[in-house]
Amino acid sequence: MRCHSDPAAIHATCEDMRALMSIDLEHDRADLDRRIECPLFVLWGSKFRPGDLRATWLDRARDVSGRALDCSHFLAEERPDETAAALLAFFSAGTGD
């Protein structure tokens, strides 16, 4: 709440979304023939994106792990303890599952 009350944070969020629909797409197109070589860990909210998002990334990365959390879009805000535990497990053991 503190960060989202700061106009600079709102501005940064808007700039990030703007990049998502412009330069990020350009960069993605430039890399379509390359695969992500490092382990990729994916977390998503099951209420926001039902299904297995790992399957989406298998075309783009060699080693994909992760899982859905019982929440919507803002995992760190809605499920902070689960999000932190999953990330810590991935970074310390190499897997988030």
PDB file of N, CA and C in Angstrom:
ATOM      1  N   MET A   1       0.826  -1.185   0.000  1.00  0.00           N
ATOM      2  CA  MET A   1       0.000   0.000   0.000  1.00  0.00           C
ATOM      3  C   MET A   1       0.880   1.263   0.000  1.00  0.00           C
ATOM      4  N   ARG A   2       1.964   1.189   0.784  1.00  0.00           N
ATOM      5  CA  ARG A   2       2.869   2.331   0.869  1.00  0.00           C
ATOM      6  C   ARG A   2       3.427   2.673  -0.514  1.00  0.00           C
ATOM      7  N   CYS A   3       3.904   1.664  -1.223  1.00  0.00           N
ATOM      8  CA  CYS A   3       4.524   1.917  -2.533  1.00  0.00           C
ATOM      9  C   CYS A   3       3.501   2.372  -3.563  1.00  0.00           C
ATOM     10  N   HIS A   4       2.319   1.782  -3.534  1.00  0.00           N
ATOM     11  CA  HIS A   4       1.307   2.160  -4.516  1.00  0.00           C
ATOM     12  C   HIS A   4       0.622   3.490  -4.187  1.00  0.00           C
ATOM     13  N   SER A   5       1.012   4.094  -3.081  1.00  0.00           N
ATOM     14  CA  SER A   5       0.540   5.447  -2.752  1.00  0.00           C
ATOM     15  C   SER A   5       1.529   6.503  -3.228  1.00  0.00           C
ATOM     16  N   ASP A   6       2.678   6.067  -3.697  1.00  0.00           N
ATOM     17  CA  ASP A   6       3.731   6.974  -4.157  1.00  0.00           C
ATOM     18  C   ASP A   6       3.553   7.221  -5.658  1.00  0.00           C
ATOM     19  N   PRO A   7       3.333   8.481  -6.070  1.00  0.00           N
ATOM     20  CA  PRO A   7       3.157   8.775  -7.497  1.00  0.00           C
ATOM     21  C   PRO A   7       4.316   8.282  -8.364  1.00  0.00           C
ATOM     22  N   ALA A   8       5.533   8.286  -7.849  1.00  0.00           N
ATOM     23  CA  ALA A   8       6.670   7.799  -8.627  1.00  0.00           C
ATOM     24  C   ALA A   8       6.553   6.293  -8.881  1.00  0.00           C
ATOM     25  N   ALA A   9       6.038   5.555  -7.916  1.00  0.00           N
ATOM     26  CA  ALA A   9       5.842   4.112  -8.087  1.00  0.00           C
ATOM     27  C   ALA A   9       4.756   3.846  -9.118  1.00  0.00           C
ATOM     28  N   ILE A  10       3.686   4.618  -9.085  1.00  0.00           N
ATOM     29  CA  ILE A  10       2.616   4.472 -10.073  1.00  0.00           C
ATOM     30  C   ILE A  10       3.158   4.784 -11.466  1.00  0.00           C
ATOM     31  N   HIS A  11       3.957   5.839 -11.565  1.00  0.00           N
ATOM     32  CA  HIS A  11       4.566   6.204 -12.851  1.00  0.00           C
ATOM     33  C   HIS A  11       5.453   5.065 -13.370  1.00  0.00           C
ATOM     34  N   ALA A  12       6.268   4.493 -12.496  1.00  0.00           N
ATOM     35  CA  ALA A  12       7.157   3.396 -12.892  1.00  0.00           C
ATOM     36  C   ALA A  12       6.352   2.184 -13.351  1.00  0.00           C
ATOM     37  N   THR A  13       5.267   1.886 -12.661  1.00  0.00           N
ATOM     38  CA  THR A  13       4.398   0.771 -13.051  1.00  0.00           C
ATOM     39  C   THR A  13       3.805   1.017 -14.434  1.00  0.00           C
ATOM     40  N   CYS A  14       3.362   2.233 -14.673  1.00  0.00           N
ATOM     41  CA  CYS A  14       2.799   2.576 -15.988  1.00  0.00           C
ATOM     42  C   CYS A  14       3.861   2.467 -17.083  1.00  0.00           C
ATOM     43  N   GLU A  15       5.073   2.891 -16.807  1.00  0.00           N
ATOM     44  CA  GLU A  15       6.158   2.775 -17.784  1.00  0.00           C
ATOM     45  C   GLU A  15       6.478   1.316 -18.076  1.00  0.00           C
ATOM     46  N   ASP A  16       6.435   0.483 -17.049  1.00  0.00           N
ATOM     47  CA  ASP A  16       6.666  -0.947 -17.240  1.00  0.00           C
ATOM     48  C   ASP A  16       5.589  -1.545 -18.142  1.00  0.00           C
ATOM     49  N   MET A  17       4.341  -1.183 -17.919  1.00  0.00           N
ATOM     50  CA  MET A  17       3.238  -1.673 -18.755  1.00  0.00           C
ATOM     51  C   MET A  17       3.362  -1.141 -20.186  1.00  0.00           C
ATOM     52  N   ARG A  18       3.794   0.098 -20.320  1.00  0.00           N
ATOM     53  CA  ARG A  18       3.979   0.679 -21.652  1.00  0.00           C
ATOM     54  C   ARG A  18       5.064  -0.101 -22.414  1.00  0.00           C
ATOM     55  N   ALA A  19       6.155  -0.438 -21.733  1.00  0.00           N
ATOM     56  CA  ALA A  19       7.231  -1.212 -22.363  1.00  0.00           C
ATOM     57  C   ALA A  19       6.737  -2.597 -22.762  1.00  0.00           C
ATOM     58  N   LEU A  20       5.885  -3.175 -21.934  1.00  0.00           N
ATOM     59  CA  LEU A  20       5.320  -4.494 -22.227  1.00  0.00           C
ATOM     60  C   LEU A  20       4.637  -4.525 -23.583  1.00  0.00           C
ATOM     61  N   MET A  21       4.008  -3.427 -23.957  1.00  0.00           N
ATOM     62  CA  MET A  21       3.263  -3.368 -25.209  1.00  0.00           C
ATOM     63  C   MET A  21       4.054  -2.714 -26.348  1.00  0.00           C
ATOM     64  N   SER A  22       5.338  -2.439 -26.123  1.00  0.00           N
ATOM     65  CA  SER A  22       6.127  -1.807 -27.187  1.00  0.00           C
ATOM     66  C   SER A  22       7.505  -2.461 -27.287  1.00  0.00           C
ATOM     67  N   ILE A  23       8.498  -1.912 -26.636  1.00  0.00           N
ATOM     68  CA  ILE A  23       9.876  -2.369 -26.797  1.00  0.00           C
ATOM     69  C   ILE A  23      10.052  -3.818 -26.352  1.00  0.00           C
ATOM     70  N   ASP A  24       9.324  -4.258 -25.334  1.00  0.00           N
ATOM     71  CA  ASP A  24       9.445  -5.654 -24.902  1.00  0.00           C
ATOM     72  C   ASP A  24       9.043  -6.612 -26.024  1.00  0.00           C
ATOM     73  N   LEU A  25       8.009  -6.271 -26.762  1.00  0.00           N
ATOM     74  CA  LEU A  25       7.577  -7.113 -27.887  1.00  0.00           C
ATOM     75  C   LEU A  25       8.647  -7.160 -28.969  1.00  0.00           C
ATOM     76  N   GLU A  26       9.273  -6.026 -29.210  1.00  0.00           N
ATOM     77  CA  GLU A  26      10.350  -5.956 -30.193  1.00  0.00           C
ATOM     78  C   GLU A  26      11.528  -6.845 -29.770  1.00  0.00           C
ATOM     79  N   HIS A  27      11.876  -6.778 -28.501  1.00  0.00           N
ATOM     80  CA  HIS A  27      12.957  -7.618 -27.986  1.00  0.00           C
ATOM     81  C   HIS A  27      12.582  -9.097 -28.055  1.00  0.00           C
ATOM     82  N   ASP A  28      11.341  -9.423 -27.743  1.00  0.00           N
ATOM     83  CA  ASP A  28      10.882 -10.815 -27.827  1.00  0.00           C
ATOM     84  C   ASP A  28      10.994 -11.346 -29.258  1.00  0.00           C
ATOM     85  N   ARG A  29      10.567 -10.550 -30.218  1.00  0.00           N
ATOM     86  CA  ARG A  29      10.656 -10.976 -31.628  1.00  0.00           C
ATOM     87  C   ARG A  29      12.109 -11.220 -32.040  1.00  0.00           C
ATOM     88  N   ALA A  30      13.007 -10.394 -31.549  1.00  0.00           N
ATOM     89  CA  ALA A  30      14.420 -10.531 -31.901  1.00  0.00           C
ATOM     90  C   ALA A  30      15.029 -11.812 -31.317  1.00  0.00           C
ATOM     91  N   ASP A  31      14.435 -12.342 -30.255  1.00  0.00           N
ATOM     92  CA  ASP A  31      14.967 -13.526 -29.578  1.00  0.00           C
ATOM     93  C   ASP A  31      14.171 -14.801 -29.832  1.00  0.00           C
ATOM     94  N   LEU A  32      13.241 -14.777 -30.763  1.00  0.00           N
ATOM     95  CA  LEU A  32      12.372 -15.937 -30.964  1.00  0.00           C
ATOM     96  C   LEU A  32      13.128 -17.213 -31.316  1.00  0.00           C
ATOM     97  N   ASP A  33      14.288 -17.100 -31.917  1.00  0.00           N
ATOM     98  CA  ASP A  33      15.049 -18.289 -32.308  1.00  0.00           C
ATOM     99  C   ASP A  33      15.972 -18.792 -31.196  1.00  0.00           C
ATOM    100  N   ARG A  34      15.939 -18.152 -30.021  1.00  0.00           N
ATOM    101  CA  ARG A  34      16.797 -18.539 -28.906  1.00  0.00           C
ATOM    102  C   ARG A  34      15.955 -19.108 -27.768  1.00  0.00           C
ATOM    103  N   ARG A  35      16.522 -20.070 -27.048  1.00  0.00           N
ATOM    104  CA  ARG A  35      15.856 -20.640 -25.881  1.00  0.00           C
ATOM    105  C   ARG A  35      16.544 -20.153 -24.618  1.00  0.00           C
ATOM    106  N   ILE A  36      15.788 -20.042 -23.565  1.00  0.00           N
ATOM    107  CA  ILE A  36      16.345 -19.691 -22.261  1.00  0.00           C
ATOM    108  C   ILE A  36      17.111 -20.907 -21.760  1.00  0.00           C
ATOM    109  N   GLU A  37      18.383 -20.740 -21.475  1.00  0.00           N
ATOM    110  CA  GLU A  37      19.242 -21.866 -21.103  1.00  0.00           C
ATOM    111  C   GLU A  37      19.304 -22.106 -19.605  1.00  0.00           C
ATOM    112  N   CYS A  38      19.128 -21.075 -18.813  1.00  0.00           N
ATOM    113  CA  CYS A  38      19.195 -21.251 -17.361  1.00  0.00           C
ATOM    114  C   CYS A  38      17.858 -21.786 -16.844  1.00  0.00           C
ATOM    115  N   PRO A  39      17.847 -22.386 -15.658  1.00  0.00           N
ATOM    116  CA  PRO A  39      16.577 -22.848 -15.089  1.00  0.00           C
ATOM    117  C   PRO A  39      15.597 -21.678 -14.954  1.00  0.00           C
ATOM    118  N   LEU A  40      14.366 -21.928 -15.335  1.00  0.00           N
ATOM    119  CA  LEU A  40      13.322 -20.911 -15.292  1.00  0.00           C
ATOM    120  C   LEU A  40      12.266 -21.337 -14.282  1.00  0.00           C
ATOM    121  N   PHE A  41      11.975 -20.471 -13.341  1.00  0.00           N
ATOM    122  CA  PHE A  41      10.979 -20.747 -12.303  1.00  0.00           C
ATOM    123  C   PHE A  41       9.784 -19.835 -12.527  1.00  0.00           C
ATOM    124  N   VAL A  42       8.611 -20.423 -12.630  1.00  0.00           N
ATOM    125  CA  VAL A  42       7.396 -19.674 -12.947  1.00  0.00           C
ATOM    126  C   VAL A  42       6.403 -19.823 -11.799  1.00  0.00           C
ATOM    127  N   LEU A  43       5.939 -18.706 -11.281  1.00  0.00           N
ATOM    128  CA  LEU A  43       4.835 -18.676 -10.317  1.00  0.00           C
ATOM    129  C   LEU A  43       3.709 -17.886 -10.941  1.00  0.00           C
ATOM    130  N   TRP A  44       2.489 -18.311 -10.707  1.00  0.00           N
ATOM    131  CA  TRP A  44       1.351 -17.575 -11.223  1.00  0.00           C
ATOM    132  C   TRP A  44       0.174 -17.780 -10.301  1.00  0.00           C
ATOM    133  N   GLY A  45      -0.785 -16.877 -10.397  1.00  0.00           N
ATOM    134  CA  GLY A  45      -2.000 -16.973  -9.605  1.00  0.00           C
ATOM    135  C   GLY A  45      -3.045 -17.801 -10.333  1.00  0.00           C
ATOM    136  N   SER A  46      -3.527 -18.851  -9.698  1.00  0.00           N
ATOM    137  CA  SER A  46      -4.493 -19.741 -10.348  1.00  0.00           C
ATOM    138  C   SER A  46      -5.826 -19.058 -10.628  1.00  0.00           C
ATOM    139  N   LYS A  47      -6.150 -18.025  -9.868  1.00  0.00           N
ATOM    140  CA  LYS A  47      -7.405 -17.302 -10.112  1.00  0.00           C
ATOM    141  C   LYS A  47      -7.258 -16.312 -11.271  1.00  0.00           C
ATOM    142  N   PHE A  48      -6.037 -15.915 -11.558  1.00  0.00           N
ATOM    143  CA  PHE A  48      -5.767 -14.994 -12.659  1.00  0.00           C
ATOM    144  C   PHE A  48      -5.514 -15.753 -13.953  1.00  0.00           C
ATOM    145  N   ARG A  49      -4.778 -16.842 -13.851  1.00  0.00           N
ATOM    146  CA  ARG A  49      -4.396 -17.634 -15.026  1.00  0.00           C
ATOM    147  C   ARG A  49      -4.545 -19.117 -14.696  1.00  0.00           C
ATOM    148  N   PRO A  50      -5.734 -19.681 -14.897  1.00  0.00           N
ATOM    149  CA  PRO A  50      -5.921 -21.106 -14.607  1.00  0.00           C
ATOM    150  C   PRO A  50      -5.070 -21.973 -15.530  1.00  0.00           C
ATOM    151  N   GLY A  51      -4.777 -23.167 -15.099  1.00  0.00           N
ATOM    152  CA  GLY A  51      -4.007 -24.091 -15.912  1.00  0.00           C
ATOM    153  C   GLY A  51      -2.555 -24.125 -15.496  1.00  0.00           C
ATOM    154  N   ASP A  52      -1.747 -24.778 -16.316  1.00  0.00           N
ATOM    155  CA  ASP A  52      -0.327 -24.963 -16.017  1.00  0.00           C
ATOM    156  C   ASP A  52       0.505 -24.033 -16.892  1.00  0.00           C
ATOM    157  N   LEU A  53       0.926 -22.932 -16.337  1.00  0.00           N
ATOM    158  CA  LEU A  53       1.700 -21.940 -17.082  1.00  0.00           C
ATOM    159  C   LEU A  53       3.089 -22.460 -17.457  1.00  0.00           C
ATOM    160  N   ARG A  54       3.564 -23.481 -16.737  1.00  0.00           N
ATOM    161  CA  ARG A  54       4.865 -24.059 -17.105  1.00  0.00           C
ATOM    162  C   ARG A  54       4.842 -24.544 -18.551  1.00  0.00           C
ATOM    163  N   ALA A  55       3.729 -25.128 -18.955  1.00  0.00           N
ATOM    164  CA  ALA A  55       3.620 -25.666 -20.314  1.00  0.00           C
ATOM    165  C   ALA A  55       3.828 -24.574 -21.363  1.00  0.00           C
ATOM    166  N   THR A  56       3.384 -23.374 -21.074  1.00  0.00           N
ATOM    167  CA  THR A  56       3.563 -22.245 -21.982  1.00  0.00           C
ATOM    168  C   THR A  56       5.040 -21.954 -22.212  1.00  0.00           C
ATOM    169  N   TRP A  57       5.842 -22.085 -21.161  1.00  0.00           N
ATOM    170  CA  TRP A  57       7.258 -21.738 -21.240  1.00  0.00           C
ATOM    171  C   TRP A  57       8.132 -22.863 -21.771  1.00  0.00           C
ATOM    172  N   LEU A  58       7.624 -24.073 -21.885  1.00  0.00           N
ATOM    173  CA  LEU A  58       8.439 -25.183 -22.371  1.00  0.00           C
ATOM    174  C   LEU A  58       8.933 -24.975 -23.803  1.00  0.00           C
ATOM    175  N   ASP A  59       8.209 -24.197 -24.584  1.00  0.00           N
ATOM    176  CA  ASP A  59       8.661 -23.875 -25.940  1.00  0.00           C
ATOM    177  C   ASP A  59       9.833 -22.894 -25.943  1.00  0.00           C
ATOM    178  N   ARG A  60      10.003 -22.172 -24.848  1.00  0.00           N
ATOM    179  CA  ARG A  60      11.009 -21.097 -24.814  1.00  0.00           C
ATOM    180  C   ARG A  60      12.183 -21.386 -23.889  1.00  0.00           C
ATOM    181  N   ALA A  61      12.049 -22.388 -23.020  1.00  0.00           N
ATOM    182  CA  ALA A  61      13.106 -22.659 -22.048  1.00  0.00           C
ATOM    183  C   ALA A  61      13.331 -24.166 -21.917  1.00  0.00           C
ATOM    184  N   ARG A  62      14.531 -24.544 -21.560  1.00  0.00           N
ATOM    185  CA  ARG A  62      14.887 -25.956 -21.461  1.00  0.00           C
ATOM    186  C   ARG A  62      14.477 -26.572 -20.120  1.00  0.00           C
ATOM    187  N   ASP A  63      14.543 -25.810 -19.058  1.00  0.00           N
ATOM    188  CA  ASP A  63      14.326 -26.337 -17.707  1.00  0.00           C
ATOM    189  C   ASP A  63      13.320 -25.429 -16.995  1.00  0.00           C
ATOM    190  N   VAL A  64      12.065 -25.848 -16.959  1.00  0.00           N
ATOM    191  CA  VAL A  64      10.999 -25.024 -16.395  1.00  0.00           C
ATOM    192  C   VAL A  64      10.388 -25.718 -15.188  1.00  0.00           C
ATOM    193  N   SER A  65      10.303 -25.003 -14.086  1.00  0.00           N
ATOM    194  CA  SER A  65       9.612 -25.502 -12.902  1.00  0.00           C
ATOM    195  C   SER A  65       8.751 -24.380 -12.349  1.00  0.00           C
ATOM    196  N   GLY A  66       7.950 -24.701 -11.357  1.00  0.00           N
ATOM    197  CA  GLY A  66       7.102 -23.704 -10.725  1.00  0.00           C
ATOM    198  C   GLY A  66       5.733 -24.263 -10.451  1.00  0.00           C
ATOM    199  N   ARG A  67       4.858 -23.375 -10.010  1.00  0.00           N
ATOM    200  CA  ARG A  67       3.508 -23.813  -9.670  1.00  0.00           C
ATOM    201  C   ARG A  67       2.578 -22.619  -9.513  1.00  0.00           C
ATOM    202  N   ALA A  68       1.306 -22.931  -9.488  1.00  0.00           N
ATOM    203  CA  ALA A  68       0.292 -21.902  -9.262  1.00  0.00           C
ATOM    204  C   ALA A  68       0.104 -21.704  -7.759  1.00  0.00           C
ATOM    205  N   LEU A  69      -0.185 -20.474  -7.388  1.00  0.00           N
ATOM    206  CA  LEU A  69      -0.580 -20.160  -6.018  1.00  0.00           C
ATOM    207  C   LEU A  69      -2.059 -19.800  -6.034  1.00  0.00           C
ATOM    208  N   ASP A  70      -2.727 -20.038  -4.938  1.00  0.00           N
ATOM    209  CA  ASP A  70      -4.164 -19.776  -4.843  1.00  0.00           C
ATOM    210  C   ASP A  70      -4.401 -18.282  -4.627  1.00  0.00           C
ATOM    211  N   CYS A  71      -4.282 -17.525  -5.723  1.00  0.00           N
ATOM    212  CA  CYS A  71      -4.471 -16.080  -5.659  1.00  0.00           C
ATOM    213  C   CYS A  71      -4.728 -15.561  -7.063  1.00  0.00           C
ATOM    214  N   SER A  72      -4.775 -14.246  -7.191  1.00  0.00           N
ATOM    215  CA  SER A  72      -5.017 -13.618  -8.493  1.00  0.00           C
ATOM    216  C   SER A  72      -3.701 -13.175  -9.118  1.00  0.00           C
ATOM    217  N   HIS A  73      -3.557 -11.878  -9.356  1.00  0.00           N
ATOM    218  CA  HIS A  73      -2.437 -11.340 -10.125  1.00  0.00           C
ATOM    219  C   HIS A  73      -1.216 -10.970  -9.279  1.00  0.00           C
ATOM    220  N   PHE A  74      -1.421 -10.447  -8.087  1.00  0.00           N
ATOM    221  CA  PHE A  74      -0.324  -9.910  -7.280  1.00  0.00           C
ATOM    222  C   PHE A  74       0.107 -10.923  -6.229  1.00  0.00           C
ATOM    223  N   LEU A  75       0.901 -11.891  -6.625  1.00  0.00           N
ATOM    224  CA  LEU A  75       1.301 -12.985  -5.746  1.00  0.00           C
ATOM    225  C   LEU A  75       1.969 -12.505  -4.458  1.00  0.00           C
ATOM    226  N   ALA A  76       2.932 -11.609  -4.589  1.00  0.00           N
ATOM    227  CA  ALA A  76       3.673 -11.152  -3.410  1.00  0.00           C
ATOM    228  C   ALA A  76       2.785 -10.424  -2.408  1.00  0.00           C
ATOM    229  N   GLU A  77       1.734  -9.785  -2.887  1.00  0.00           N
ATOM    230  CA  GLU A  77       0.823  -9.095  -1.989  1.00  0.00           C
ATOM    231  C   GLU A  77      -0.246 -10.038  -1.436  1.00  0.00           C
ATOM    232  N   GLU A  78      -0.740 -10.937  -2.268  1.00  0.00           N
ATOM    233  CA  GLU A  78      -1.829 -11.819  -1.864  1.00  0.00           C
ATOM    234  C   GLU A  78      -1.356 -13.045  -1.085  1.00  0.00           C
ATOM    235  N   ARG A  79      -0.200 -13.572  -1.436  1.00  0.00           N
ATOM    236  CA  ARG A  79       0.358 -14.771  -0.802  1.00  0.00           C
ATOM    237  C   ARG A  79       1.851 -14.560  -0.536  1.00  0.00           C
ATOM    238  N   PRO A  80       2.187 -13.568   0.300  1.00  0.00           N
ATOM    239  CA  PRO A  80       3.600 -13.225   0.485  1.00  0.00           C
ATOM    240  C   PRO A  80       4.443 -14.364   1.053  1.00  0.00           C
ATOM    241  N   ASP A  81       3.924 -15.093   2.023  1.00  0.00           N
ATOM    242  CA  ASP A  81       4.709 -16.165   2.628  1.00  0.00           C
ATOM    243  C   ASP A  81       4.952 -17.304   1.645  1.00  0.00           C
ATOM    244  N   GLU A  82       3.921 -17.697   0.898  1.00  0.00           N
ATOM    245  CA  GLU A  82       4.070 -18.768  -0.092  1.00  0.00           C
ATOM    246  C   GLU A  82       5.004 -18.345  -1.228  1.00  0.00           C
ATOM    247  N   THR A  83       4.860 -17.098  -1.667  1.00  0.00           N
ATOM    248  CA  THR A  83       5.719 -16.594  -2.738  1.00  0.00           C
ATOM    249  C   THR A  83       7.172 -16.601  -2.299  1.00  0.00           C
ATOM    250  N   ALA A  84       7.431 -16.067  -1.110  1.00  0.00           N
ATOM    251  CA  ALA A  84       8.808 -16.020  -0.592  1.00  0.00           C
ATOM    252  C   ALA A  84       9.373 -17.423  -0.409  1.00  0.00           C
ATOM    253  N   ALA A  85       8.592 -18.331   0.140  1.00  0.00           N
ATOM    254  CA  ALA A  85       9.071 -19.700   0.368  1.00  0.00           C
ATOM    255  C   ALA A  85       9.412 -20.391  -0.954  1.00  0.00           C
ATOM    256  N   ALA A  86       8.563 -20.218  -1.956  1.00  0.00           N
ATOM    257  CA  ALA A  86       8.809 -20.839  -3.262  1.00  0.00           C
ATOM    258  C   ALA A  86      10.070 -20.278  -3.903  1.00  0.00           C
ATOM    259  N   LEU A  87      10.242 -18.961  -3.850  1.00  0.00           N
ATOM    260  CA  LEU A  87      11.434 -18.340  -4.428  1.00  0.00           C
ATOM    261  C   LEU A  87      12.702 -18.754  -3.687  1.00  0.00           C
ATOM    262  N   LEU A  88      12.640 -18.769  -2.362  1.00  0.00           N
ATOM    263  CA  LEU A  88      13.804 -19.191  -1.580  1.00  0.00           C
ATOM    264  C   LEU A  88      14.169 -20.638  -1.880  1.00  0.00           C
ATOM    265  N   ALA A  89      13.174 -21.500  -2.000  1.00  0.00           N
ATOM    266  CA  ALA A  89      13.433 -22.908  -2.322  1.00  0.00           C
ATOM    267  C   ALA A  89      14.091 -23.024  -3.693  1.00  0.00           C
ATOM    268  N   PHE A  90      13.589 -22.285  -4.659  1.00  0.00           N
ATOM    269  CA  PHE A  90      14.167 -22.346  -6.003  1.00  0.00           C
ATOM    270  C   PHE A  90      15.612 -21.864  -6.015  1.00  0.00           C
ATOM    271  N   PHE A  91      15.858 -20.711  -5.416  1.00  0.00           N
ATOM    272  CA  PHE A  91      17.201 -20.142  -5.461  1.00  0.00           C
ATOM    273  C   PHE A  91      18.200 -20.898  -4.591  1.00  0.00           C
ATOM    274  N   SER A  92      17.739 -21.563  -3.547  1.00  0.00           N
ATOM    275  CA  SER A  92      18.702 -22.283  -2.695  1.00  0.00           C
ATOM    276  C   SER A  92      18.899 -23.728  -3.133  1.00  0.00           C
ATOM    277  N   ALA A  93      17.888 -24.352  -3.728  1.00  0.00           N
ATOM    278  CA  ALA A  93      18.008 -25.763  -4.112  1.00  0.00           C
ATOM    279  C   ALA A  93      17.947 -25.974  -5.623  1.00  0.00           C
ATOM    280  N   GLY A  94      17.631 -24.929  -6.369  1.00  0.00           N
ATOM    281  CA  GLY A  94      17.549 -25.071  -7.808  1.00  0.00           C
ATOM    282  C   GLY A  94      16.180 -25.470  -8.314  1.00  0.00           C
ATOM    283  N   THR A  95      15.214 -25.596  -7.429  1.00  0.00           N
ATOM    284  CA  THR A  95      13.851 -25.922  -7.861  1.00  0.00           C
ATOM    285  C   THR A  95      12.860 -25.294  -6.913  1.00  0.00           C
ATOM    286  N   GLY A  96      11.727 -24.914  -7.423  1.00  0.00           N
ATOM    287  CA  GLY A  96      10.681 -24.324  -6.598  1.00  0.00           C
ATOM    288  C   GLY A  96       9.557 -25.281  -6.322  1.00  0.00           C
ATOM    289  N   ASP A  97       9.642 -26.491  -6.856  1.00  0.00           N
ATOM    290  CA  ASP A  97       8.581 -27.480  -6.644  1.00  0.00           C
ATOM    291  C   ASP A  97       8.798 -28.273  -5.382  1.00  0.00           C
TER     292      ASP A  97
END
